[in-house]
């Protein structure tokens, strides 16, 4: 019986705002068969630093993050900053 572990990026999607959603699967295998699996997800927004990402993820950020997409993100961030903090619902 042989136990091994592997981590793979098994899902990469780009949403309507250009955010790149990355899912990593951490797997435990017994004799090549997955016996346990957990997921980790993170999001990279247009213009964020992607230097620590795997090549497949960086290829998508390069394709998805046009200058217009990055500027749109900056505009949304600026608009949110001008609106101030949002009130939290009570009750």
N, C-alpha and C. Protein backbone atom coordinates (compact mmCIF):
# COMPACT_ATOMS: atom_id res chain seq x y z
N UNK A 1 0.85 -1.18 0.00
CA UNK A 1 0.00 0.00 0.00
C UNK A 1 0.89 1.24 0.00
N UNK A 2 0.58 2.15 -0.88
CA UNK A 2 1.37 3.37 -1.03
C UNK A 2 0.46 4.60 -0.89
N UNK A 3 0.80 5.50 0.06
CA UNK A 3 0.07 6.75 0.22
C UNK A 3 0.88 7.89 -0.37
N UNK A 4 0.23 8.73 -1.16
CA UNK A 4 0.89 9.90 -1.73
C UNK A 4 -0.04 11.10 -1.62
N UNK A 5 0.53 12.28 -1.71
CA UNK A 5 -0.24 13.52 -1.69
C UNK A 5 0.07 14.31 -2.95
N UNK A 6 -0.92 15.05 -3.43
CA UNK A 6 -0.71 15.93 -4.57
C UNK A 6 -1.59 17.16 -4.44
N UNK A 7 -1.12 18.25 -4.99
CA UNK A 7 -1.90 19.49 -5.07
C UNK A 7 -1.95 19.88 -6.53
N UNK A 8 -3.17 20.13 -7.02
CA UNK A 8 -3.35 20.53 -8.41
C UNK A 8 -4.34 21.68 -8.50
N UNK A 9 -4.10 22.58 -9.44
CA UNK A 9 -5.08 23.60 -9.77
C UNK A 9 -6.08 22.91 -10.68
N UNK A 10 -7.30 22.69 -10.17
CA UNK A 10 -8.25 21.92 -10.97
C UNK A 10 -9.37 22.76 -11.55
N UNK A 11 -9.39 24.05 -11.21
CA UNK A 11 -10.43 24.90 -11.78
C UNK A 11 -9.95 26.35 -11.80
N UNK A 12 -10.11 26.99 -12.95
CA UNK A 12 -9.79 28.41 -13.11
C UNK A 12 -10.92 29.02 -13.93
N UNK A 13 -11.55 30.05 -13.37
CA UNK A 13 -12.63 30.72 -14.10
C UNK A 13 -12.42 32.22 -14.04
N UNK A 14 -12.99 32.92 -15.02
CA UNK A 14 -12.93 34.37 -15.07
C UNK A 14 -14.37 34.88 -15.05
N UNK A 15 -14.68 35.79 -14.10
CA UNK A 15 -16.04 36.30 -14.02
C UNK A 15 -16.22 37.55 -14.88
N UNK A 16 -17.41 38.12 -14.85
CA UNK A 16 -17.74 39.25 -15.71
C UNK A 16 -16.91 40.49 -15.45
N UNK A 17 -16.30 40.59 -14.26
CA UNK A 17 -15.48 41.75 -13.92
C UNK A 17 -13.99 41.51 -14.17
N UNK A 18 -13.64 40.33 -14.66
CA UNK A 18 -12.24 40.01 -14.92
C UNK A 18 -11.54 39.38 -13.73
N UNK A 19 -12.27 39.13 -12.62
CA UNK A 19 -11.67 38.43 -11.49
C UNK A 19 -11.36 37.00 -11.88
N UNK A 20 -10.17 36.53 -11.53
CA UNK A 20 -9.78 35.16 -11.84
C UNK A 20 -9.94 34.34 -10.56
N UNK A 21 -10.83 33.35 -10.61
CA UNK A 21 -11.13 32.48 -9.48
C UNK A 21 -10.35 31.19 -9.65
N UNK A 22 -9.55 30.85 -8.63
CA UNK A 22 -8.66 29.70 -8.71
C UNK A 22 -9.04 28.70 -7.62
N UNK A 23 -9.18 27.42 -8.00
CA UNK A 23 -9.43 26.38 -7.01
C UNK A 23 -8.29 25.37 -7.07
N UNK A 24 -7.70 25.12 -5.89
CA UNK A 24 -6.64 24.11 -5.75
C UNK A 24 -7.23 22.92 -5.02
N UNK A 25 -6.95 21.74 -5.51
CA UNK A 25 -7.39 20.51 -4.87
C UNK A 25 -6.16 19.83 -4.25
N UNK A 26 -6.23 19.60 -2.94
CA UNK A 26 -5.18 18.85 -2.23
C UNK A 26 -5.72 17.45 -2.00
N UNK A 27 -5.01 16.47 -2.53
CA UNK A 27 -5.52 15.10 -2.53
C UNK A 27 -4.56 14.13 -1.83
N UNK A 28 -5.15 13.16 -1.16
CA UNK A 28 -4.41 12.03 -0.62
C UNK A 28 -4.83 10.81 -1.43
N UNK A 29 -3.82 10.10 -1.94
CA UNK A 29 -4.10 8.94 -2.78
C UNK A 29 -3.52 7.67 -2.15
N UNK A 30 -4.28 6.60 -2.24
CA UNK A 30 -3.78 5.28 -1.83
C UNK A 30 -3.70 4.44 -3.09
N UNK A 31 -2.51 4.05 -3.43
CA UNK A 31 -2.28 3.26 -4.65
C UNK A 31 -2.91 3.92 -5.87
N UNK A 32 -2.80 5.26 -5.97
CA UNK A 32 -3.30 6.00 -7.12
C UNK A 32 -4.77 6.36 -7.08
N UNK A 33 -5.49 5.97 -6.02
CA UNK A 33 -6.92 6.25 -5.90
C UNK A 33 -7.11 7.33 -4.83
N UNK A 34 -7.87 8.37 -5.16
CA UNK A 34 -8.12 9.46 -4.22
C UNK A 34 -8.95 8.93 -3.05
N UNK A 35 -8.42 9.10 -1.82
CA UNK A 35 -9.17 8.68 -0.64
C UNK A 35 -9.57 9.87 0.23
N UNK A 36 -8.98 11.03 -0.01
CA UNK A 36 -9.36 12.26 0.70
C UNK A 36 -9.01 13.44 -0.20
N UNK A 37 -9.82 14.51 -0.06
CA UNK A 37 -9.60 15.68 -0.91
C UNK A 37 -10.15 16.91 -0.21
N UNK A 38 -9.38 17.99 -0.24
CA UNK A 38 -9.84 19.28 0.27
C UNK A 38 -9.59 20.33 -0.80
N UNK A 39 -10.32 21.45 -0.69
CA UNK A 39 -10.20 22.51 -1.68
C UNK A 39 -9.79 23.82 -1.02
N UNK A 40 -9.05 24.61 -1.76
CA UNK A 40 -8.70 25.96 -1.36
C UNK A 40 -9.02 26.85 -2.56
N UNK A 41 -9.70 27.96 -2.29
CA UNK A 41 -10.06 28.88 -3.37
C UNK A 41 -9.51 30.26 -3.06
N UNK A 42 -9.14 30.97 -4.10
CA UNK A 42 -8.78 32.37 -3.96
C UNK A 42 -9.10 33.11 -5.26
N UNK A 43 -9.22 34.42 -5.12
CA UNK A 43 -9.59 35.28 -6.25
C UNK A 43 -8.48 36.30 -6.46
N UNK A 44 -8.16 36.53 -7.72
CA UNK A 44 -7.18 37.55 -8.08
C UNK A 44 -7.92 38.59 -8.92
N UNK A 45 -7.94 39.82 -8.44
CA UNK A 45 -8.66 40.90 -9.13
C UNK A 45 -7.78 41.51 -10.21
N UNK A 46 -8.39 42.08 -11.24
CA UNK A 46 -7.62 42.70 -12.32
C UNK A 46 -6.61 43.72 -11.78
N UNK A 47 -5.36 43.53 -12.20
CA UNK A 47 -4.29 44.43 -11.79
C UNK A 47 -3.54 43.97 -10.56
N UNK A 48 -4.05 42.93 -9.84
CA UNK A 48 -3.34 42.41 -8.67
C UNK A 48 -2.03 41.75 -9.12
N UNK A 49 -1.13 41.57 -8.18
CA UNK A 49 0.14 40.90 -8.44
C UNK A 49 -0.14 39.40 -8.61
N UNK A 50 0.21 38.85 -9.76
CA UNK A 50 -0.01 37.43 -10.02
C UNK A 50 1.30 36.66 -10.16
N UNK A 51 2.40 37.26 -9.73
CA UNK A 51 3.72 36.64 -9.93
C UNK A 51 3.88 35.29 -9.21
N UNK A 52 3.18 35.07 -8.11
CA UNK A 52 3.30 33.81 -7.39
C UNK A 52 2.38 32.72 -7.90
N UNK A 53 1.62 33.02 -8.92
CA UNK A 53 0.65 32.06 -9.45
C UNK A 53 1.31 31.10 -10.45
N UNK A 54 0.74 29.90 -10.60
CA UNK A 54 1.24 28.95 -11.60
C UNK A 54 1.09 29.51 -13.02
N UNK A 55 1.89 29.02 -13.95
CA UNK A 55 1.86 29.52 -15.33
C UNK A 55 0.47 29.50 -15.98
N UNK A 56 -0.34 28.47 -15.73
CA UNK A 56 -1.69 28.41 -16.33
C UNK A 56 -2.55 29.57 -15.84
N UNK A 57 -2.44 29.90 -14.56
CA UNK A 57 -3.23 31.00 -14.01
C UNK A 57 -2.74 32.32 -14.60
N UNK A 58 -1.43 32.50 -14.67
CA UNK A 58 -0.87 33.74 -15.22
C UNK A 58 -1.23 33.92 -16.69
N UNK A 59 -1.35 32.83 -17.42
CA UNK A 59 -1.75 32.93 -18.82
C UNK A 59 -3.16 33.49 -18.93
N UNK A 60 -4.04 33.08 -18.01
CA UNK A 60 -5.41 33.60 -18.03
C UNK A 60 -5.47 35.06 -17.58
N UNK A 61 -4.69 35.42 -16.56
CA UNK A 61 -4.72 36.83 -16.15
C UNK A 61 -4.22 37.72 -17.29
N UNK A 62 -3.21 37.25 -17.98
CA UNK A 62 -2.67 38.04 -19.10
C UNK A 62 -3.72 38.22 -20.20
N UNK A 63 -4.48 37.17 -20.46
CA UNK A 63 -5.50 37.25 -21.51
C UNK A 63 -6.71 38.06 -21.07
N UNK A 64 -7.12 37.91 -19.81
CA UNK A 64 -8.37 38.54 -19.33
C UNK A 64 -8.19 40.00 -18.92
N UNK A 65 -7.00 40.36 -18.45
CA UNK A 65 -6.80 41.69 -17.89
C UNK A 65 -6.32 42.69 -18.95
N UNK A 66 -7.23 43.07 -19.80
CA UNK A 66 -6.91 44.11 -20.77
C UNK A 66 -6.82 45.45 -20.03
N UNK A 67 -6.23 46.46 -20.64
CA UNK A 67 -6.20 47.78 -19.98
C UNK A 67 -7.60 48.27 -19.60
N UNK A 68 -8.60 48.01 -20.42
CA UNK A 68 -9.97 48.43 -20.10
C UNK A 68 -10.52 47.71 -18.87
N UNK A 69 -10.23 46.43 -18.73
CA UNK A 69 -10.71 45.65 -17.58
C UNK A 69 -10.06 46.17 -16.30
N UNK A 70 -8.77 46.43 -16.36
CA UNK A 70 -8.06 46.96 -15.18
C UNK A 70 -8.59 48.34 -14.82
N UNK A 71 -8.81 49.19 -15.80
CA UNK A 71 -9.33 50.54 -15.52
C UNK A 71 -10.74 50.46 -14.92
N UNK A 72 -11.55 49.54 -15.40
CA UNK A 72 -12.90 49.37 -14.86
C UNK A 72 -12.84 48.97 -13.39
N UNK A 73 -11.92 48.10 -13.03
CA UNK A 73 -11.75 47.71 -11.62
C UNK A 73 -11.34 48.92 -10.79
N UNK A 74 -10.38 49.71 -11.29
CA UNK A 74 -9.93 50.90 -10.56
C UNK A 74 -11.08 51.88 -10.38
N UNK A 75 -11.90 52.06 -11.41
CA UNK A 75 -13.06 52.95 -11.33
C UNK A 75 -14.05 52.47 -10.27
N UNK A 76 -14.31 51.14 -10.23
CA UNK A 76 -15.23 50.59 -9.22
C UNK A 76 -14.67 50.79 -7.82
N UNK A 77 -13.37 50.55 -7.65
CA UNK A 77 -12.75 50.74 -6.34
C UNK A 77 -12.85 52.19 -5.89
N UNK A 78 -12.62 53.12 -6.81
CA UNK A 78 -12.70 54.54 -6.48
C UNK A 78 -14.12 54.94 -6.10
N UNK A 79 -15.11 54.43 -6.84
CA UNK A 79 -16.50 54.74 -6.54
C UNK A 79 -16.88 54.21 -5.15
N UNK A 80 -16.41 53.02 -4.81
CA UNK A 80 -16.70 52.47 -3.48
C UNK A 80 -16.06 53.31 -2.39
N UNK A 81 -14.85 53.78 -2.62
CA UNK A 81 -14.16 54.60 -1.63
C UNK A 81 -14.89 55.91 -1.40
N UNK A 82 -15.45 56.47 -2.45
CA UNK A 82 -16.18 57.73 -2.32
C UNK A 82 -17.51 57.55 -1.62
N UNK A 83 -18.12 56.37 -1.75
CA UNK A 83 -19.39 56.09 -1.09
C UNK A 83 -19.24 55.94 0.41
N UNK A 84 -18.05 55.64 0.87
CA UNK A 84 -17.82 55.45 2.30
C UNK A 84 -18.26 54.07 2.74
N UNK A 85 -18.13 53.80 4.05
CA UNK A 85 -18.50 52.48 4.54
C UNK A 85 -20.00 52.24 4.43
N UNK A 86 -20.35 51.03 4.15
CA UNK A 86 -21.77 50.67 4.03
C UNK A 86 -22.35 50.40 5.41
N UNK A 87 -23.59 50.80 5.59
CA UNK A 87 -24.27 50.52 6.85
C UNK A 87 -24.63 49.04 6.90
N UNK A 88 -24.46 48.45 8.06
CA UNK A 88 -24.82 47.04 8.23
C UNK A 88 -26.27 46.94 8.65
N UNK A 89 -26.98 45.99 8.09
CA UNK A 89 -28.37 45.82 8.50
C UNK A 89 -28.45 45.38 9.96
N UNK A 90 -29.47 45.82 10.64
CA UNK A 90 -29.65 45.41 12.02
C UNK A 90 -30.90 44.56 12.13
N UNK A 91 -30.95 43.81 13.20
CA UNK A 91 -32.16 43.04 13.44
C UNK A 91 -32.01 41.67 13.10
